[in-house]
C-alpha atoms as a PDB file:
ATOM      1  CA  MET A   1    -148.364  91.794   1.423  1.00  0.00           C
ATOM      2  CA  THR A   2    -145.243  89.599   1.560  1.00  0.00           C
ATOM      3  CA  LEU A   3    -142.610  91.570   3.471  1.00  0.00           C
ATOM      4  CA  ASP A   4    -138.834  91.292   3.221  1.00  0.00           C
ATOM      5  CA  LYS A   5    -137.190  91.406   6.644  1.00  0.00           C
ATOM      6  CA  PRO A   6    -140.020  93.221   8.484  1.00  0.00           C
ATOM      7  CA  GLN A   7    -139.830  94.486  12.030  1.00  0.00           C
ATOM      8  CA  ILE A   8    -141.344  91.760  14.221  1.00  0.00           C
ATOM      9  CA  GLY A   9    -143.005  92.398  17.584  1.00  0.00           C
ATOM     10  CA  TRP A  10    -144.092  90.056  20.378  1.00  0.00           C
ATOM     11  CA  TYR A  11    -146.561  90.470  23.244  1.00  0.00           C
ATOM     12  CA  GLY A  12    -147.062  87.834  25.968  1.00  0.00           C
ATOM     13  CA  LEU A  13    -144.205  86.116  27.800  1.00  0.00           C
ATOM     14  CA  GLY A  14    -145.890  83.403  29.846  1.00  0.00           C
ATOM     15  CA  SER A  15    -144.841  79.762  30.060  1.00  0.00           C
ATOM     16  CA  MET A  16    -145.590  79.370  26.336  1.00  0.00           C
ATOM     17  CA  GLY A  17    -144.906  82.833  24.976  1.00  0.00           C
ATOM     18  CA  ARG A  18    -141.421  83.292  26.369  1.00  0.00           C
ATOM     19  CA  PRO A  19    -139.776  80.185  24.810  1.00  0.00           C
ATOM     20  CA  MET A  20    -141.630  80.855  21.556  1.00  0.00           C
ATOM     21  CA  ALA A  21    -140.328  84.424  21.459  1.00  0.00           C
ATOM     22  CA  GLU A  22    -136.818  83.270  22.348  1.00  0.00           C
ATOM     23  CA  ASN A  23    -136.789  80.849  19.409  1.00  0.00           C
ATOM     24  CA  LEU A  24    -138.084  83.600  17.156  1.00  0.00           C
ATOM     25  CA  GLN A  25    -135.346  86.013  18.270  1.00  0.00           C
ATOM     26  CA  LYS A  26    -132.678  83.348  17.697  1.00  0.00           C
ATOM     27  CA  TYR A  27    -133.950  82.879  14.134  1.00  0.00           C
ATOM     28  CA  ILE A  28    -134.058  86.630  13.529  1.00  0.00           C
ATOM     29  CA  ALA A  29    -130.503  87.092  14.810  1.00  0.00           C
ATOM     30  CA  LYS A  30    -129.223  84.174  12.734  1.00  0.00           C
ATOM     31  CA  ASN A  31    -130.681  85.766   9.604  1.00  0.00           C
ATOM     32  CA  ALA A  32    -129.377  89.268  10.424  1.00  0.00           C
ATOM     33  CA  GLU A  33    -132.856  90.779  10.620  1.00  0.00           C
ATOM     34  CA  GLN A  34    -133.988  93.614  12.886  1.00  0.00           C
ATOM     35  CA  PRO A  35    -134.043  92.468  16.542  1.00  0.00           C
ATOM     36  CA  LEU A  36    -137.394  91.368  17.927  1.00  0.00           C
ATOM     37  CA  LYS A  37    -139.290  94.067  19.821  1.00  0.00           C
ATOM     38  CA  TYR A  38    -141.305  92.850  22.798  1.00  0.00           C
ATOM     39  CA  PHE A  39    -143.589  93.911  25.614  1.00  0.00           C
ATOM     40  CA  ASN A  40    -145.168  92.069  28.519  1.00  0.00           C
ATOM     41  CA  ARG A  41    -147.253  93.111  31.491  1.00  0.00           C
ATOM     42  CA  SER A  42    -144.366  91.931  33.701  1.00  0.00           C
ATOM     43  CA  MET A  43    -141.228  93.059  31.885  1.00  0.00           C
ATOM     44  CA  SER A  44    -138.968  90.999  34.158  1.00  0.00           C
ATOM     45  CA  SER A  45    -140.189  87.969  32.207  1.00  0.00           C
ATOM     46  CA  GLY A  46    -138.311  89.315  29.206  1.00  0.00           C
ATOM     47  CA  GLU A  47    -134.803  89.345  30.690  1.00  0.00           C
ATOM     48  CA  THR A  48    -133.713  86.116  28.962  1.00  0.00           C
ATOM     49  CA  LEU A  49    -135.220  87.396  25.717  1.00  0.00           C
ATOM     50  CA  LYS A  50    -133.365  90.692  26.092  1.00  0.00           C
ATOM     51  CA  ALA A  51    -130.127  88.765  26.682  1.00  0.00           C
ATOM     52  CA  LEU A  52    -130.618  87.171  23.255  1.00  0.00           C
ATOM     53  CA  GLY A  53    -130.717  90.605  21.632  1.00  0.00           C
ATOM     54  CA  ALA A  54    -134.424  91.450  21.648  1.00  0.00           C
ATOM     55  CA  VAL A  55    -135.411  95.060  22.394  1.00  0.00           C
ATOM     56  CA  PRO A  56    -138.137  96.046  24.891  1.00  0.00           C
ATOM     57  CA  ALA A  57    -140.947  98.412  23.906  1.00  0.00           C
ATOM     58  CA  THR A  58    -142.657 100.800  26.326  1.00  0.00           C
ATOM     59  CA  GLY A  59    -146.137  99.369  25.831  1.00  0.00           C
ATOM     60  CA  PHE A  60    -148.329  97.401  23.460  1.00  0.00           C
ATOM     61  CA  VAL A  61    -149.318 100.443  21.420  1.00  0.00           C
ATOM     62  CA  ASP A  62    -145.660 101.451  21.132  1.00  0.00           C
ATOM     63  CA  LEU A  63    -144.919  97.901  19.958  1.00  0.00           C
ATOM     64  CA  VAL A  64    -147.603  98.091  17.272  1.00  0.00           C
ATOM     65  CA  LYS A  65    -146.393 101.479  16.056  1.00  0.00           C
ATOM     66  CA  GLN A  66    -142.845 100.172  15.612  1.00  0.00           C
ATOM     67  CA  CYS A  67    -143.622  96.811  13.989  1.00  0.00           C
ATOM     68  CA  ASN A  68    -144.952  95.414  10.708  1.00  0.00           C
ATOM     69  CA  ILE A  69    -145.894  92.028  12.212  1.00  0.00           C
ATOM     70  CA  VAL A  70    -147.061  91.651  15.835  1.00  0.00           C
ATOM     71  CA  PHE A  71    -147.409  88.248  17.495  1.00  0.00           C
ATOM     72  CA  THR A  72    -149.615  87.850  20.575  1.00  0.00           C
ATOM     73  CA  MET A  73    -149.789  84.962  23.045  1.00  0.00           C
ATOM     74  CA  VAL A  74    -152.353  85.794  25.721  1.00  0.00           C
ATOM     75  CA  PRO A  75    -154.574  83.879  28.177  1.00  0.00           C
ATOM     76  CA  ASN A  76    -158.081  84.662  26.935  1.00  0.00           C
ATOM     77  CA  ASP A  77    -160.471  86.463  24.599  1.00  0.00           C
ATOM     78  CA  GLU A  78    -160.839  89.524  26.822  1.00  0.00           C
ATOM     79  CA  VAL A  79    -157.108  90.254  26.871  1.00  0.00           C
ATOM     80  CA  LEU A  80    -156.757  89.853  23.110  1.00  0.00           C
ATOM     81  CA  SER A  81    -159.807  92.023  22.420  1.00  0.00           C
ATOM     82  CA  GLY A  82    -158.481  94.733  24.736  1.00  0.00           C
ATOM     83  CA  LEU A  83    -155.107  94.766  22.993  1.00  0.00           C
ATOM     84  CA  ILE A  84    -156.581  95.055  19.504  1.00  0.00           C
ATOM     85  CA  GLU A  85    -159.026  97.730  20.629  1.00  0.00           C
ATOM     86  CA  SER A  86    -156.174  99.759  22.119  1.00  0.00           C
ATOM     87  CA  ALA A  87    -154.166  99.470  18.896  1.00  0.00           C
ATOM     88  CA  ILE A  88    -157.134 100.626  16.815  1.00  0.00           C
ATOM     89  CA  SER A  89    -157.968 103.562  19.075  1.00  0.00           C
ATOM     90  CA  GLU A  90    -154.436 104.789  19.810  1.00  0.00           C
ATOM     91  CA  CYS A  91    -152.487 104.240  16.585  1.00  0.00           C
ATOM     92  CA  GLN A  92    -152.769 106.847  13.847  1.00  0.00           C
ATOM     93  CA  THR A  93    -152.579 104.138  11.202  1.00  0.00           C
ATOM     94  CA  LEU A  94    -152.544 100.353  11.086  1.00  0.00           C
ATOM     95  CA  SER A  95    -152.373 100.130   7.321  1.00  0.00           C
ATOM     96  CA  GLY A  96    -150.443  97.062   6.148  1.00  0.00           C
ATOM     97  CA  LYS A  97    -149.787  95.690   9.623  1.00  0.00           C
ATOM     98  CA  ILE A  98    -150.240  91.983  10.349  1.00  0.00           C
ATOM     99  CA  PHE A  99    -151.393  90.767  13.772  1.00  0.00           C
ATOM    100  CA  VAL A 100    -150.668  87.091  14.469  1.00  0.00           C
ATOM    101  CA  ASP A 101    -152.494  85.625  17.445  1.00  0.00           C
ATOM    102  CA  CYS A 102    -151.207  82.308  18.826  1.00  0.00           C
ATOM    103  CA  SER A 103    -153.691  82.098  21.706  1.00  0.00           C
ATOM    104  CA  THR A 104    -156.754  79.890  22.159  1.00  0.00           C
ATOM    105  CA  VAL A 105    -159.829  82.090  21.736  1.00  0.00           C
ATOM    106  CA  HIS A 106    -163.376  81.677  20.456  1.00  0.00           C
ATOM    107  CA  PRO A 107    -163.801  81.718  16.648  1.00  0.00           C
ATOM    108  CA  GLU A 108    -166.375  84.505  17.005  1.00  0.00           C
ATOM    109  CA  THR A 109    -163.753  86.637  18.756  1.00  0.00           C
ATOM    110  CA  ILE A 110    -161.325  86.027  15.911  1.00  0.00           C
ATOM    111  CA  SER A 111    -163.964  86.898  13.286  1.00  0.00           C
ATOM    112  CA  LYS A 112    -164.875  90.156  15.026  1.00  0.00           C
ATOM    113  CA  LEU A 113    -161.276  91.262  15.530  1.00  0.00           C
ATOM    114  CA  ALA A 114    -160.375  90.345  11.941  1.00  0.00           C
ATOM    115  CA  SER A 115    -163.249  92.514  10.724  1.00  0.00           C
ATOM    116  CA  ASP A 116    -162.294  95.385  13.022  1.00  0.00           C
ATOM    117  CA  LEU A 117    -158.700  95.317  11.797  1.00  0.00           C
ATOM    118  CA  ALA A 118    -159.706  94.995   8.156  1.00  0.00           C
ATOM    119  CA  SER A 119    -161.677  98.236   8.460  1.00  0.00           C
ATOM    120  CA  HIS A 120    -158.345  99.870   9.342  1.00  0.00           C
ATOM    121  CA  GLU A 121    -156.453  98.163   6.489  1.00  0.00           C
ATOM    122  CA  ALA A 122    -154.728  95.697   8.831  1.00  0.00           C
ATOM    123  CA  VAL A 123    -154.902  91.898   8.863  1.00  0.00           C
ATOM    124  CA  LEU A 124    -155.402  89.270  11.564  1.00  0.00           C
ATOM    125  CA  VAL A 125    -153.802  85.858  11.143  1.00  0.00           C
ATOM    126  CA  SER A 126    -154.974  83.257  13.661  1.00  0.00           C
ATOM    127  CA  ALA A 127    -152.163  80.821  14.494  1.00  0.00           C
ATOM    128  CA  PRO A 128    -152.985  78.886  17.683  1.00  0.00           C
ATOM    129  CA  VAL A 129    -150.544  76.221  18.828  1.00  0.00           C
ATOM    130  CA  PHE A 130    -150.757  72.594  19.917  1.00  0.00           C
ATOM    131  CA  GLY A 131    -148.298  71.428  22.570  1.00  0.00           C
ATOM    132  CA  GLY A 132    -147.173  72.659  25.971  1.00  0.00           C
ATOM    133  CA  PRO A 133    -144.015  74.375  27.239  1.00  0.00           C
ATOM    134  CA  ALA A 134    -142.027  71.150  26.804  1.00  0.00           C
ATOM    135  CA  LEU A 135    -142.555  71.492  23.037  1.00  0.00           C
ATOM    136  CA  ALA A 136    -142.319  75.287  22.950  1.00  0.00           C
ATOM    137  CA  VAL A 137    -138.729  75.246  24.254  1.00  0.00           C
ATOM    138  CA  PRO A 138    -137.248  73.127  21.415  1.00  0.00           C
ATOM    139  CA  GLY A 139    -139.550  74.777  18.842  1.00  0.00           C
ATOM    140  CA  THR A 140    -141.550  71.663  18.007  1.00  0.00           C
ATOM    141  CA  LEU A 141    -145.085  72.991  18.417  1.00  0.00           C
ATOM    142  CA  VAL A 142    -147.810  72.389  15.827  1.00  0.00           C
ATOM    143  CA  PHE A 143    -149.482  75.534  14.473  1.00  0.00           C
ATOM    144  CA  ALA A 144    -152.909  75.901  12.863  1.00  0.00           C
ATOM    145  CA  ILE A 145    -152.831  78.973  10.622  1.00  0.00           C
ATOM    146  CA  GLY A 146    -155.715  80.811   9.003  1.00  0.00           C
ATOM    147  CA  GLY A 147    -156.046  84.171   7.298  1.00  0.00           C
ATOM    148  CA  PRO A 148    -155.463  85.967   4.001  1.00  0.00           C
ATOM    149  CA  LYS A 149    -152.974  83.992   1.913  1.00  0.00           C
ATOM    150  CA  SER A 150    -150.413  86.749   1.422  1.00  0.00           C
ATOM    151  CA  ALA A 151    -150.344  87.571   5.138  1.00  0.00           C
ATOM    152  CA  CYS A 152    -149.937  83.902   6.059  1.00  0.00           C
ATOM    153  CA  GLU A 153    -147.034  83.634   3.621  1.00  0.00           C
ATOM    154  CA  SER A 154    -145.368  86.634   5.277  1.00  0.00           C
ATOM    155  CA  VAL A 155    -145.502  85.108   8.756  1.00  0.00           C
ATOM    156  CA  GLU A 156    -145.080  81.404   8.031  1.00  0.00           C
ATOM    157  CA  ARG A 157    -141.309  81.621   7.640  1.00  0.00           C
ATOM    158  CA  TYR A 158    -141.142  82.892  11.232  1.00  0.00           C
ATOM    159  CA  ILE A 159    -143.134  79.869  12.414  1.00  0.00           C
ATOM    160  CA  ASN A 160    -142.190  76.740  10.488  1.00  0.00           C
ATOM    161  CA  ASN A 161    -138.943  75.193  11.755  1.00  0.00           C
ATOM    162  CA  VAL A 162    -138.550  78.203  14.049  1.00  0.00           C
ATOM    163  CA  MET A 163    -141.252  77.892  16.700  1.00  0.00           C
ATOM    164  CA  GLY A 164    -142.995  74.839  15.294  1.00  0.00           C
ATOM    165  CA  ARG A 165    -142.360  71.582  13.472  1.00  0.00           C
ATOM    166  CA  LYS A 166    -145.611  71.637  11.504  1.00  0.00           C
ATOM    167  CA  VAL A 167    -148.062  74.191  10.125  1.00  0.00           C
ATOM    168  CA  ILE A 168    -151.623  73.064   9.381  1.00  0.00           C
ATOM    169  CA  GLN A 169    -153.242  75.297   6.765  1.00  0.00           C
ATOM    170  CA  CYS A 170    -156.840  76.242   7.604  1.00  0.00           C
ATOM    171  CA  GLY A 171    -157.712  78.514   4.702  1.00  0.00           C
ATOM    172  CA  GLU A 172    -158.376  82.233   4.374  1.00  0.00           C
ATOM    173  CA  ASP A 173    -160.933  82.453   7.181  1.00  0.00           C
ATOM    174  CA  PRO A 174    -158.893  82.980  10.379  1.00  0.00           C
ATOM    175  CA  ALA A 175    -161.767  81.628  12.485  1.00  0.00           C
ATOM    176  CA  ASN A 176    -161.135  78.139  11.074  1.00  0.00           C
ATOM    177  CA  SER A 177    -157.779  77.784  12.826  1.00  0.00           C
ATOM    178  CA  SER A 178    -159.369  78.837  16.108  1.00  0.00           C
ATOM    179  CA  LEU A 179    -162.068  76.234  15.521  1.00  0.00           C
ATOM    180  CA  LEU A 180    -159.444  73.547  14.935  1.00  0.00           C
ATOM    181  CA  LYS A 181    -157.641  74.530  18.128  1.00  0.00           C
ATOM    182  CA  ILE A 182    -160.790  74.269  20.210  1.00  0.00           C
ATOM    183  CA  GLY A 183    -161.623  70.908  18.648  1.00  0.00           C
ATOM    184  CA  GLY A 184    -158.086  69.682  19.285  1.00  0.00           C
ATOM    185  CA  ASN A 185    -158.326  70.672  22.923  1.00  0.00           C
ATOM    186  CA  ILE A 186    -161.277  68.295  23.322  1.00  0.00           C
ATOM    187  CA  ILE A 187    -158.782  65.516  22.622  1.00  0.00           C
ATOM    188  CA  THR A 188    -156.107  67.029  24.871  1.00  0.00           C
ATOM    189  CA  ILE A 189    -158.364  67.410  27.901  1.00  0.00           C
ATOM    190  CA  CYS A 190    -160.120  64.067  27.467  1.00  0.00           C
ATOM    191  CA  LEU A 191    -156.754  62.317  27.057  1.00  0.00           C
ATOM    192  CA  MET A 192    -155.578  63.800  30.351  1.00  0.00           C
ATOM    193  CA  GLU A 193    -158.757  62.504  31.984  1.00  0.00           C
ATOM    194  CA  ALA A 194    -158.179  59.014  30.528  1.00  0.00           C
ATOM    195  CA  VAL A 195    -154.539  58.911  31.648  1.00  0.00           C
ATOM    196  CA  GLY A 196    -155.563  60.037  35.134  1.00  0.00           C
ATOM    197  CA  GLU A 197    -158.204  57.324  35.356  1.00  0.00           C
ATOM    198  CA  ALA A 198    -155.715  54.664  34.240  1.00  0.00           C
ATOM    199  CA  GLN A 199    -153.114  55.749  36.793  1.00  0.00           C
ATOM    200  CA  VAL A 200    -155.593  55.781  39.681  1.00  0.00           C
ATOM    201  CA  PHE A 201    -156.708  52.314  38.589  1.00  0.00           C
ATOM    202  CA  ALA A 202    -153.062  51.204  38.597  1.00  0.00           C
ATOM    203  CA  GLU A 203    -152.493  52.601  42.092  1.00  0.00           C
ATOM    204  CA  GLN A 204    -155.594  51.102  43.635  1.00  0.00           C
ATOM    205  CA  THR A 205    -155.161  47.643  42.115  1.00  0.00           C
ATOM    206  CA  GLY A 206    -151.558  47.368  43.271  1.00  0.00           C
ATOM    207  CA  LEU A 207    -150.132  47.396  39.756  1.00  0.00           C
ATOM    208  CA  GLY A 208    -148.303  50.646  40.377  1.00  0.00           C
ATOM    209  CA  THR A 209    -147.792  53.752  38.296  1.00  0.00           C
ATOM    210  CA  GLU A 210    -144.412  52.816  36.784  1.00  0.00           C
ATOM    211  CA  ALA A 211    -145.675  49.884  34.735  1.00  0.00           C
ATOM    212  CA  MET A 212    -148.741  51.848  33.634  1.00  0.00           C
ATOM    213  CA  GLU A 213    -146.593  54.821  32.621  1.00  0.00           C
ATOM    214  CA  ASN A 214    -144.353  52.563  30.535  1.00  0.00           C
ATOM    215  CA  LEU A 215    -147.402  51.171  28.771  1.00  0.00           C
ATOM    216  CA  ILE A 216    -148.916  54.597  28.160  1.00  0.00           C
ATOM    217  CA  GLY A 217    -145.707  55.953  26.633  1.00  0.00           C
ATOM    218  CA  GLU A 218    -144.981  52.907  24.496  1.00  0.00           C
ATOM    219  CA  SER A 219    -148.505  52.204  23.272  1.00  0.00           C
ATOM    220  CA  PHE A 220    -150.106  55.637  23.095  1.00  0.00           C
ATOM    221  CA  GLY A 221    -147.177  57.891  22.253  1.00  0.00           C
ATOM    222  CA  ALA A 222    -145.047  60.629  23.730  1.00  0.00           C
ATOM    223  CA  VAL A 223    -147.945  63.017  24.309  1.00  0.00           C
ATOM    224  CA  ALA A 224    -149.900  60.559  26.474  1.00  0.00           C
ATOM    225  CA  GLY A 225    -146.661  59.525  28.152  1.00  0.00           C
ATOM    226  CA  GLY A 226    -145.927  63.148  28.943  1.00  0.00           C
ATOM    227  CA  TYR A 227    -149.343  63.574  30.520  1.00  0.00           C
ATOM    228  CA  SER A 228    -148.650  60.549  32.707  1.00  0.00           C
ATOM    229  CA  LYS A 229    -145.377  62.106  33.846  1.00  0.00           C
ATOM    230  CA  ARG A 230    -147.255  65.238  34.904  1.00  0.00           C
ATOM    231  CA  LEU A 231    -149.129  63.020  37.357  1.00  0.00           C
ATOM    232  CA  THR A 232    -146.356  60.793  38.658  1.00  0.00           C
ATOM    233  CA  SER A 233    -143.895  63.704  38.984  1.00  0.00           C
ATOM    234  CA  GLY A 234    -146.408  65.769  40.944  1.00  0.00           C
ATOM    235  CA  ALA A 235    -146.461  68.505  38.282  1.00  0.00           C
ATOM    236  CA  TYR A 236    -150.268  68.359  38.262  1.00  0.00           C
ATOM    237  CA  ALA A 237    -150.089  70.260  41.564  1.00  0.00           C
ATOM    238  CA  PRO A 238    -146.816  72.247  41.550  1.00  0.00           C
ATOM    239  CA  GLN A 239    -145.474  74.406  44.352  1.00  0.00           C
ATOM    240  CA  LEU A 240    -147.412  77.624  44.864  1.00  0.00           C
ATOM    241  CA  ASP A 241    -144.501  79.759  43.620  1.00  0.00           C
ATOM    242  CA  THR A 242    -144.313  77.754  40.366  1.00  0.00           C
ATOM    243  CA  ARG A 243    -146.188  78.396  37.123  1.00  0.00           C
ATOM    244  CA  PRO A 244    -148.222  75.336  35.992  1.00  0.00           C
ATOM    245  CA  GLY A 245    -147.449  73.965  32.534  1.00  0.00           C
ATOM    246  CA  PHE A 246    -151.045  74.375  31.261  1.00  0.00           C
ATOM    247  CA  GLY A 247    -153.011  76.186  33.938  1.00  0.00           C
ATOM    248  CA  VAL A 248    -156.303  74.610  34.935  1.00  0.00           C
ATOM    249  CA  SER A 249    -158.270  77.857  34.467  1.00  0.00           C
ATOM    250  CA  LEU A 250    -157.028  78.160  30.900  1.00  0.00           C
ATOM    251  CA  ALA A 251    -158.218  74.631  30.170  1.00  0.00           C
ATOM    252  CA  ILE A 252    -161.581  75.319  31.796  1.00  0.00           C
ATOM    253  CA  LYS A 253    -161.892  78.366  29.514  1.00  0.00           C
ATOM    254  CA  ASP A 254    -161.077  76.220  26.474  1.00  0.00           C
ATOM    255  CA  ALA A 255    -163.571  73.555  27.531  1.00  0.00           C
ATOM    256  CA  LYS A 256    -166.246  76.226  28.017  1.00  0.00           C
ATOM    257  CA  HIS A 257    -165.757  77.402  24.429  1.00  0.00           C
ATOM    258  CA  ALA A 258    -166.033  73.852  23.072  1.00  0.00           C
ATOM    259  CA  LEU A 259    -169.056  72.944  25.195  1.00  0.00           C
ATOM    260  CA  SER A 260    -170.955  76.123  24.323  1.00  0.00           C
ATOM    261  CA  MET A 261    -170.346  75.654  20.593  1.00  0.00           C
ATOM    262  CA  ALA A 262    -171.333  71.985  20.810  1.00  0.00           C
ATOM    263  CA  LYS A 263    -174.564  72.857  22.639  1.00  0.00           C
ATOM    264  CA  GLU A 264    -175.507  75.356  19.924  1.00  0.00           C
ATOM    265  CA  ARG A 265    -175.160  72.568  17.354  1.00  0.00           C
ATOM    266  CA  ASN A 266    -176.776  69.792  19.419  1.00  0.00           C
ATOM    267  CA  VAL A 267    -173.470  67.909  19.697  1.00  0.00           C
ATOM    268  CA  LYS A 268    -172.897  65.838  22.837  1.00  0.00           C
ATOM    269  CA  LEU A 269    -169.423  65.867  24.418  1.00  0.00           C
ATOM    270  CA  PRO A 270    -169.821  63.575  27.458  1.00  0.00           C
ATOM    271  CA  GLY A 271    -166.089  62.954  27.885  1.00  0.00           C
ATOM    272  CA  LEU A 272    -165.259  66.666  27.892  1.00  0.00           C
ATOM    273  CA  THR A 273    -168.206  67.377  30.190  1.00  0.00           C
ATOM    274  CA  LEU A 274    -166.835  64.939  32.775  1.00  0.00           C
ATOM    275  CA  ALA A 275    -163.281  66.260  32.455  1.00  0.00           C
ATOM    276  CA  ASP A 276    -164.559  69.830  32.828  1.00  0.00           C
ATOM    277  CA  GLN A 277    -166.427  68.911  36.004  1.00  0.00           C
ATOM    278  CA  ASN A 278    -163.296  67.302  37.429  1.00  0.00           C
ATOM    279  CA  MET A 279    -161.101  70.287  36.531  1.00  0.00           C
ATOM    280  CA  ARG A 280    -163.554  72.646  38.203  1.00  0.00           C
ATOM    281  CA  ALA A 281    -163.637  70.433  41.301  1.00  0.00           C
ATOM    282  CA  ALA A 282    -159.825  70.382  41.350  1.00  0.00           C
ATOM    283  CA  ARG A 283    -159.643  74.178  41.175  1.00  0.00           C
ATOM    284  CA  GLU A 284    -162.243  74.510  43.919  1.00  0.00           C
ATOM    285  CA  TYR A 285    -160.178  72.221  46.147  1.00  0.00           C
ATOM    286  CA  GLY A 286    -156.615  73.203  45.255  1.00  0.00           C
ATOM    287  CA  GLY A 287    -156.805  76.729  43.866  1.00  0.00           C
ATOM    288  CA  GLU A 288    -155.449  78.322  40.699  1.00  0.00           C
ATOM    289  CA  CYS A 289    -151.904  76.959  40.901  1.00  0.00           C
ATOM    290  CA  LEU A 290    -152.790  73.646  39.278  1.00  0.00           C
ATOM    291  CA  ASP A 291    -152.107  72.064  35.907  1.00  0.00           C
ATOM    292  CA  THR A 292    -154.933  70.938  33.616  1.00  0.00           C
ATOM    293  CA  SER A 293    -154.061  67.372  34.597  1.00  0.00           C
ATOM    294  CA  SER A 294    -155.122  68.129  38.189  1.00  0.00           C
ATOM    295  CA  MET A 295    -158.373  66.332  37.462  1.00  0.00           C
ATOM    296  CA  TYR A 296    -156.144  63.414  38.565  1.00  0.00           C
ATOM    297  CA  GLY A 297    -156.321  64.753  42.131  1.00  0.00           C
ATOM    298  CA  VAL A 298    -160.114  64.569  42.064  1.00  0.00           C
ATOM    299  CA  LEU A 299    -159.983  61.035  40.642  1.00  0.00           C
ATOM    300  CA  ARG A 300    -157.661  60.099  43.516  1.00  0.00           C
ATOM    301  CA  GLN A 301    -160.102  61.538  46.037  1.00  0.00           C
ATOM    302  CA  GLU A 302    -162.995  59.612  44.519  1.00  0.00           C
ATOM    303  CA  ALA A 303    -160.922  56.443  44.945  1.00  0.00           C
ATOM    304  CA  GLY A 304    -160.294  57.170  48.627  1.00  0.00           C
ATOM    305  CA  LEU A 305    -156.794  58.630  48.190  1.00  0.00           C
ATOM    306  CA  SER A 306    -155.436  62.077  48.955  1.00  0.00           C
ATOM    307  CA  PHE A 307    -155.737  64.756  46.273  1.00  0.00           C
ATOM    308  CA  TRP A 308    -151.961  65.169  46.572  1.00  0.00           C
ATOM    309  CA  ASN A 309    -149.517  62.428  45.677  1.00  0.00           C
ATOM    310  CA  GLU A 310    -146.047  62.053  47.227  1.00  0.00           C
ATOM    311  CA  LYS A 311    -144.303  64.299  44.685  1.00  0.00           C
ATOM    312  CA  SER A 312    -146.876  67.093  44.434  1.00  0.00           C
ATOM    313  CA  ARG A 313    -147.228  69.934  46.884  1.00  0.00           C
ATOM    314  CA  GLN A 314    -149.231  68.928  49.912  1.00  0.00           C
ATOM    315  CA  GLY A 315    -151.952  71.520  50.085  1.00  0.00           C
ATOM    316  CA  GLY A 316    -152.645  75.231  49.946  1.00  0.00           C
ATOM    317  CA  LYS A 317    -154.327  77.477  47.433  1.00  0.00           C
END
């Protein structure tokens, strides 16, 4: 199934999808391949991609019909399932096509969609990513990739050193990469909770956030340091006309997947359970326009401070 210079398509141009697609188009142009085709629910999000030479499609089904490999980066299981169902029902043939999903969805969703596509002689490769928009822009994300070996080989050259710095192989079962992503997000969300707790401690003891942030970055790495900056810069609660880096509802969805799978297997996740409760409380108080790290606002409230710090927005939903 290895393809030489296939037509590549992209669906989903959110805060992660757009920089990923832009890096992909730059690679394609550099190697004199066919320009990336793309579609998004809001096509205005694709203007910078179009300026790089990518070509808009008229819809997702049109995108699938034109392309050999179709990448998707969408917010949840329902959106991905709807897209694949539309491709199956509206395309005359899907034979030989490769669908590459970079989203965070439940392994059972991946298994079902892979089976549905296989019955139409198409393949699903699951390739979820680790890292936020700050890593998507320079193309230094980490990918977990799972699916039939030949299909993975066809798409990996469009990922490694293009959109990501590292590809973790998860075998021929595409559900395994989804499972790794969900497990990894336990660490991500719990680390945000820990950084938030440390910074509230620093504020309330008089130590101050600057010294704590220096320690976090130096001792626990750039990822933890970046989470701290989301708090001190106010990015945990951005302006209402701004897209959060990692929206709180997306993280709540990811936590729900992990907690439900853990419950089925009698695994306790007390840290994630607490972080999930705090994220839900943050969303209830501050609305949808919040970053995952907005659990920090709830921790501030519990310590007698305002949900909003000096650099965040000061209210509203």
